């Protein structure tokens, strides 16, 4: 038997500027963690250049340690 709920049940991930300590309503969304990080990076670079500069100067390990726990999975 085919489960119709499967069609409408979509997982995606989000990262809000607020979660990074920035006073902004923007929420980056994507189907994958990499997509969320890409969307967030684009927004940070455009709208919050000082915050993006600080983040960009961190090592890959530091950046992942700060961002990864803040990405939420939404169903």
Foldseek 3Di string as FASTA:
>chain_A
DDDPVVVVDAKKKWAAVVLVVDPDGDIFIDNDPVNSVVRVLVCCVVPPVVVNVVLVPDDPVVNCVSGVVRMDMDD
